[in-house]
């Protein structure tokens, strides 16, 4: 079963963008939106490693 994770995305004070998952301790940042999308995917994969996803199916 797929879960939906909602991210709050905002411009960083230092430049670029940052994303925080609502309800999960997932945070990432990048210089532009395209890089941020990739960083979000990587951060989610790191948060839910293979052993976690196998146990929930």
PDB file of N, CA and C in Angstrom:
ATOM      1  N   UNK A   1       0.840  -1.180   0.000  1.00  0.00           N
ATOM      2  CA  UNK A   1       0.000   0.000   0.000  1.00  0.00           C
ATOM      3  C   UNK A   1       0.887   1.246   0.000  1.00  0.00           C
ATOM      4  N   UNK A   2       0.636   2.138  -0.903  1.00  0.00           N
ATOM      5  CA  UNK A   2       1.403   3.380  -0.976  1.00  0.00           C
ATOM      6  C   UNK A   2       0.863   4.385   0.021  1.00  0.00           C
ATOM      7  N   UNK A   3       1.780   5.158   0.597  1.00  0.00           N
ATOM      8  CA  UNK A   3       1.399   6.217   1.524  1.00  0.00           C
ATOM      9  C   UNK A   3       1.701   7.555   0.874  1.00  0.00           C
ATOM     10  N   UNK A   4       0.962   8.545   1.278  1.00  0.00           N
ATOM     11  CA  UNK A   4       1.180   9.897   0.786  1.00  0.00           C
ATOM     12  C   UNK A   4       1.959  10.677   1.836  1.00  0.00           C
ATOM     13  N   UNK A   5       3.016  11.333   1.404  1.00  0.00           N
ATOM     14  CA  UNK A   5       3.805  12.186   2.285  1.00  0.00           C
ATOM     15  C   UNK A   5       3.722  13.599   1.725  1.00  0.00           C
ATOM     16  N   UNK A   6       3.286  14.509   2.542  1.00  0.00           N
ATOM     17  CA  UNK A   6       3.139  15.904   2.130  1.00  0.00           C
ATOM     18  C   UNK A   6       4.347  16.686   2.613  1.00  0.00           C
ATOM     19  N   UNK A   7       4.935  17.455   1.693  1.00  0.00           N
ATOM     20  CA  UNK A   7       6.090  18.287   2.011  1.00  0.00           C
ATOM     21  C   UNK A   7       5.717  19.755   1.967  1.00  0.00           C
ATOM     22  N   UNK A   8       6.218  20.489   2.942  1.00  0.00           N
ATOM     23  CA  UNK A   8       6.124  21.941   2.957  1.00  0.00           C
ATOM     24  C   UNK A   8       7.410  22.450   2.320  1.00  0.00           C
ATOM     25  N   UNK A   9       7.276  23.185   1.221  1.00  0.00           N
ATOM     26  CA  UNK A   9       8.445  23.701   0.493  1.00  0.00           C
ATOM     27  C   UNK A   9       8.448  25.216   0.606  1.00  0.00           C
ATOM     28  N   UNK A  10       9.612  25.753   0.928  1.00  0.00           N
ATOM     29  CA  UNK A  10       9.737  27.211   1.004  1.00  0.00           C
ATOM     30  C   UNK A  10      11.139  27.634   0.596  1.00  0.00           C
ATOM     31  N   UNK A  11      11.242  28.890   0.242  1.00  0.00           N
ATOM     32  CA  UNK A  11      12.552  29.436  -0.100  1.00  0.00           C
ATOM     33  C   UNK A  11      13.376  29.565   1.175  1.00  0.00           C
ATOM     34  N   UNK A  12      14.641  29.226   1.064  1.00  0.00           N
ATOM     35  CA  UNK A  12      15.546  29.315   2.198  1.00  0.00           C
ATOM     36  C   UNK A  12      16.055  30.748   2.344  1.00  0.00           C
ATOM     37  N   UNK A  13      16.303  31.176   3.563  1.00  0.00           N
ATOM     38  CA  UNK A  13      16.854  32.512   3.797  1.00  0.00           C
ATOM     39  C   UNK A  13      18.240  32.647   3.190  1.00  0.00           C
ATOM     40  N   UNK A  14      18.978  31.522   3.114  1.00  0.00           N
ATOM     41  CA  UNK A  14      20.333  31.533   2.561  1.00  0.00           C
ATOM     42  C   UNK A  14      20.341  31.382   1.043  1.00  0.00           C
ATOM     43  N   UNK A  15      19.182  31.218   0.438  1.00  0.00           N
ATOM     44  CA  UNK A  15      19.073  30.979  -0.998  1.00  0.00           C
ATOM     45  C   UNK A  15      18.715  29.531  -1.257  1.00  0.00           C
ATOM     46  N   UNK A  16      18.086  29.259  -2.351  1.00  0.00           N
ATOM     47  CA  UNK A  16      17.646  27.904  -2.663  1.00  0.00           C
ATOM     48  C   UNK A  16      16.312  27.609  -2.002  1.00  0.00           C
ATOM     49  N   UNK A  17      16.037  26.316  -1.839  1.00  0.00           N
ATOM     50  CA  UNK A  17      14.754  25.876  -1.296  1.00  0.00           C
ATOM     51  C   UNK A  17      14.967  24.794  -0.254  1.00  0.00           C
ATOM     52  N   UNK A  18      13.997  24.670   0.645  1.00  0.00           N
ATOM     53  CA  UNK A  18      14.032  23.607   1.624  1.00  0.00           C
ATOM     54  C   UNK A  18      12.663  22.934   1.676  1.00  0.00           C
ATOM     55  N   UNK A  19      12.672  21.656   2.021  1.00  0.00           N
ATOM     56  CA  UNK A  19      11.436  20.881   2.090  1.00  0.00           C
ATOM     57  C   UNK A  19      11.404  20.105   3.393  1.00  0.00           C
ATOM     58  N   UNK A  20      10.253  20.149   4.066  1.00  0.00           N
ATOM     59  CA  UNK A  20      10.042  19.408   5.305  1.00  0.00           C
ATOM     60  C   UNK A  20       8.779  18.566   5.146  1.00  0.00           C
ATOM     61  N   UNK A  21       8.886  17.295   5.508  1.00  0.00           N
ATOM     62  CA  UNK A  21       7.729  16.404   5.448  1.00  0.00           C
ATOM     63  C   UNK A  21       6.842  16.650   6.655  1.00  0.00           C
ATOM     64  N   UNK A  22       5.550  16.685   6.439  1.00  0.00           N
ATOM     65  CA  UNK A  22       4.602  16.830   7.541  1.00  0.00           C
ATOM     66  C   UNK A  22       4.340  15.450   8.138  1.00  0.00           C
ATOM     67  N   UNK A  23       4.586  15.311   9.433  1.00  0.00           N
ATOM     68  CA  UNK A  23       4.345  14.055  10.116  1.00  0.00           C
ATOM     69  C   UNK A  23       5.510  13.087  10.092  1.00  0.00           C
ATOM     70  N   UNK A  24       6.595  13.450   9.454  1.00  0.00           N
ATOM     71  CA  UNK A  24       7.789  12.609   9.383  1.00  0.00           C
ATOM     72  C   UNK A  24       9.010  13.485   9.623  1.00  0.00           C
ATOM     73  N   UNK A  25      10.068  12.892  10.124  1.00  0.00           N
ATOM     74  CA  UNK A  25      11.307  13.650  10.340  1.00  0.00           C
ATOM     75  C   UNK A  25      12.180  13.567   9.089  1.00  0.00           C
ATOM     76  N   UNK A  26      11.657  14.146   8.003  1.00  0.00           N
ATOM     77  CA  UNK A  26      12.373  14.167   6.728  1.00  0.00           C
ATOM     78  C   UNK A  26      12.563  15.631   6.338  1.00  0.00           C
ATOM     79  N   UNK A  27      13.806  16.016   6.078  1.00  0.00           N
ATOM     80  CA  UNK A  27      14.149  17.390   5.697  1.00  0.00           C
ATOM     81  C   UNK A  27      15.237  17.330   4.633  1.00  0.00           C
ATOM     82  N   UNK A  28      15.125  18.205   3.645  1.00  0.00           N
ATOM     83  CA  UNK A  28      16.177  18.307   2.637  1.00  0.00           C
ATOM     84  C   UNK A  28      16.175  19.710   2.052  1.00  0.00           C
ATOM     85  N   UNK A  29      17.227  20.037   1.315  1.00  0.00           N
ATOM     86  CA  UNK A  29      17.340  21.355   0.688  1.00  0.00           C
ATOM     87  C   UNK A  29      18.113  21.235  -0.609  1.00  0.00           C
ATOM     88  N   UNK A  30      17.925  22.243  -1.480  1.00  0.00           N
ATOM     89  CA  UNK A  30      18.611  22.251  -2.773  1.00  0.00           C
ATOM     90  C   UNK A  30      18.612  23.671  -3.332  1.00  0.00           C
ATOM     91  N   UNK A  31      19.407  23.863  -4.367  1.00  0.00           N
ATOM     92  CA  UNK A  31      19.556  25.183  -4.979  1.00  0.00           C
ATOM     93  C   UNK A  31      18.361  25.590  -5.834  1.00  0.00           C
ATOM     94  N   UNK A  32      17.686  24.610  -6.470  1.00  0.00           N
ATOM     95  CA  UNK A  32      16.538  24.933  -7.315  1.00  0.00           C
ATOM     96  C   UNK A  32      15.470  23.850  -7.176  1.00  0.00           C
ATOM     97  N   UNK A  33      14.309  24.086  -7.748  1.00  0.00           N
ATOM     98  CA  UNK A  33      13.171  23.183  -7.587  1.00  0.00           C
ATOM     99  C   UNK A  33      13.441  21.806  -8.184  1.00  0.00           C
ATOM    100  N   UNK A  34      14.069  21.743  -9.346  1.00  0.00           N
ATOM    101  CA  UNK A  34      14.353  20.441  -9.960  1.00  0.00           C
ATOM    102  C   UNK A  34      15.278  19.604  -9.079  1.00  0.00           C
ATOM    103  N   UNK A  35      16.315  20.227  -8.535  1.00  0.00           N
ATOM    104  CA  UNK A  35      17.217  19.520  -7.624  1.00  0.00           C
ATOM    105  C   UNK A  35      16.489  19.131  -6.344  1.00  0.00           C
ATOM    106  N   UNK A  36      15.564  19.981  -5.894  1.00  0.00           N
ATOM    107  CA  UNK A  36      14.812  19.694  -4.675  1.00  0.00           C
ATOM    108  C   UNK A  36      13.932  18.457  -4.859  1.00  0.00           C
ATOM    109  N   UNK A  37      13.305  18.321  -6.010  1.00  0.00           N
ATOM    110  CA  UNK A  37      12.486  17.133  -6.283  1.00  0.00           C
ATOM    111  C   UNK A  37      13.319  15.866  -6.156  1.00  0.00           C
ATOM    112  N   UNK A  38      14.508  15.866  -6.728  1.00  0.00           N
ATOM    113  CA  UNK A  38      15.398  14.702  -6.629  1.00  0.00           C
ATOM    114  C   UNK A  38      15.849  14.473  -5.195  1.00  0.00           C
ATOM    115  N   UNK A  39      16.137  15.555  -4.478  1.00  0.00           N
ATOM    116  CA  UNK A  39      16.575  15.439  -3.089  1.00  0.00           C
ATOM    117  C   UNK A  39      15.464  14.878  -2.202  1.00  0.00           C
ATOM    118  N   UNK A  40      14.220  15.235  -2.494  1.00  0.00           N
ATOM    119  CA  UNK A  40      13.087  14.708  -1.733  1.00  0.00           C
ATOM    120  C   UNK A  40      12.977  13.202  -1.932  1.00  0.00           C
ATOM    121  N   UNK A  41      13.084  12.758  -3.175  1.00  0.00           N
ATOM    122  CA  UNK A  41      13.026  11.320  -3.459  1.00  0.00           C
ATOM    123  C   UNK A  41      14.131  10.586  -2.704  1.00  0.00           C
ATOM    124  N   UNK A  42      15.346  11.112  -2.741  1.00  0.00           N
ATOM    125  CA  UNK A  42      16.470  10.492  -2.036  1.00  0.00           C
ATOM    126  C   UNK A  42      16.233  10.473  -0.524  1.00  0.00           C
ATOM    127  N   UNK A  43      15.724  11.571   0.017  1.00  0.00           N
ATOM    128  CA  UNK A  43      15.488  11.656   1.458  1.00  0.00           C
ATOM    129  C   UNK A  43      14.426  10.656   1.903  1.00  0.00           C
ATOM    130  N   UNK A  44      13.379  10.482   1.101  1.00  0.00           N
ATOM    131  CA  UNK A  44      12.331   9.518   1.442  1.00  0.00           C
ATOM    132  C   UNK A  44      12.897   8.104   1.390  1.00  0.00           C
ATOM    133  N   UNK A  45      13.696   7.813   0.373  1.00  0.00           N
ATOM    134  CA  UNK A  45      14.310   6.481   0.267  1.00  0.00           C
ATOM    135  C   UNK A  45      15.214   6.203   1.466  1.00  0.00           C
ATOM    136  N   UNK A  46      15.956   7.199   1.907  1.00  0.00           N
ATOM    137  CA  UNK A  46      16.827   7.028   3.073  1.00  0.00           C
ATOM    138  C   UNK A  46      16.012   6.824   4.351  1.00  0.00           C
ATOM    139  N   UNK A  47      14.919   7.545   4.471  1.00  0.00           N
ATOM    140  CA  UNK A  47      14.086   7.450   5.672  1.00  0.00           C
ATOM    141  C   UNK A  47      13.416   6.080   5.775  1.00  0.00           C
ATOM    142  N   UNK A  48      12.915   5.587   4.652  1.00  0.00           N
ATOM    143  CA  UNK A  48      12.253   4.283   4.616  1.00  0.00           C
ATOM    144  C   UNK A  48      13.163   3.320   3.866  1.00  0.00           C
ATOM    145  N   UNK A  49      14.119   2.732   4.566  1.00  0.00           N
ATOM    146  CA  UNK A  49      15.048   1.816   3.898  1.00  0.00           C
ATOM    147  C   UNK A  49      14.333   0.520   3.516  1.00  0.00           C
ATOM    148  N   UNK A  50      15.014  -0.336   2.779  1.00  0.00           N
ATOM    149  CA  UNK A  50      14.405  -1.557   2.223  1.00  0.00           C
ATOM    150  C   UNK A  50      13.805  -2.446   3.300  1.00  0.00           C
ATOM    151  N   UNK A  51      14.441  -2.535   4.449  1.00  0.00           N
ATOM    152  CA  UNK A  51      13.902  -3.409   5.502  1.00  0.00           C
ATOM    153  C   UNK A  51      12.586  -2.881   6.041  1.00  0.00           C
ATOM    154  N   UNK A  52      12.412  -1.560   6.105  1.00  0.00           N
ATOM    155  CA  UNK A  52      11.147  -0.969   6.565  1.00  0.00           C
ATOM    156  C   UNK A  52      10.027  -1.244   5.580  1.00  0.00           C
ATOM    157  N   UNK A  53      10.279  -1.073   4.295  1.00  0.00           N
ATOM    158  CA  UNK A  53       9.220  -1.241   3.306  1.00  0.00           C
ATOM    159  C   UNK A  53       8.825  -2.705   3.184  1.00  0.00           C
ATOM    160  N   UNK A  54       9.756  -3.640   3.367  1.00  0.00           N
ATOM    161  CA  UNK A  54       9.431  -5.055   3.289  1.00  0.00           C
ATOM    162  C   UNK A  54       8.520  -5.481   4.435  1.00  0.00           C
ATOM    163  N   UNK A  55       8.696  -4.871   5.589  1.00  0.00           N
ATOM    164  CA  UNK A  55       7.902  -5.258   6.757  1.00  0.00           C
ATOM    165  C   UNK A  55       6.483  -4.722   6.710  1.00  0.00           C
ATOM    166  N   UNK A  56       6.193  -3.739   5.873  1.00  0.00           N
ATOM    167  CA  UNK A  56       4.888  -3.101   5.857  1.00  0.00           C
ATOM    168  C   UNK A  56       4.024  -3.531   4.686  1.00  0.00           C
ATOM    169  N   UNK A  57       4.492  -4.429   3.867  1.00  0.00           N
ATOM    170  CA  UNK A  57       3.690  -4.834   2.710  1.00  0.00           C
ATOM    171  C   UNK A  57       2.854  -6.038   3.039  1.00  0.00           C
TER     172      UNK A  57
END
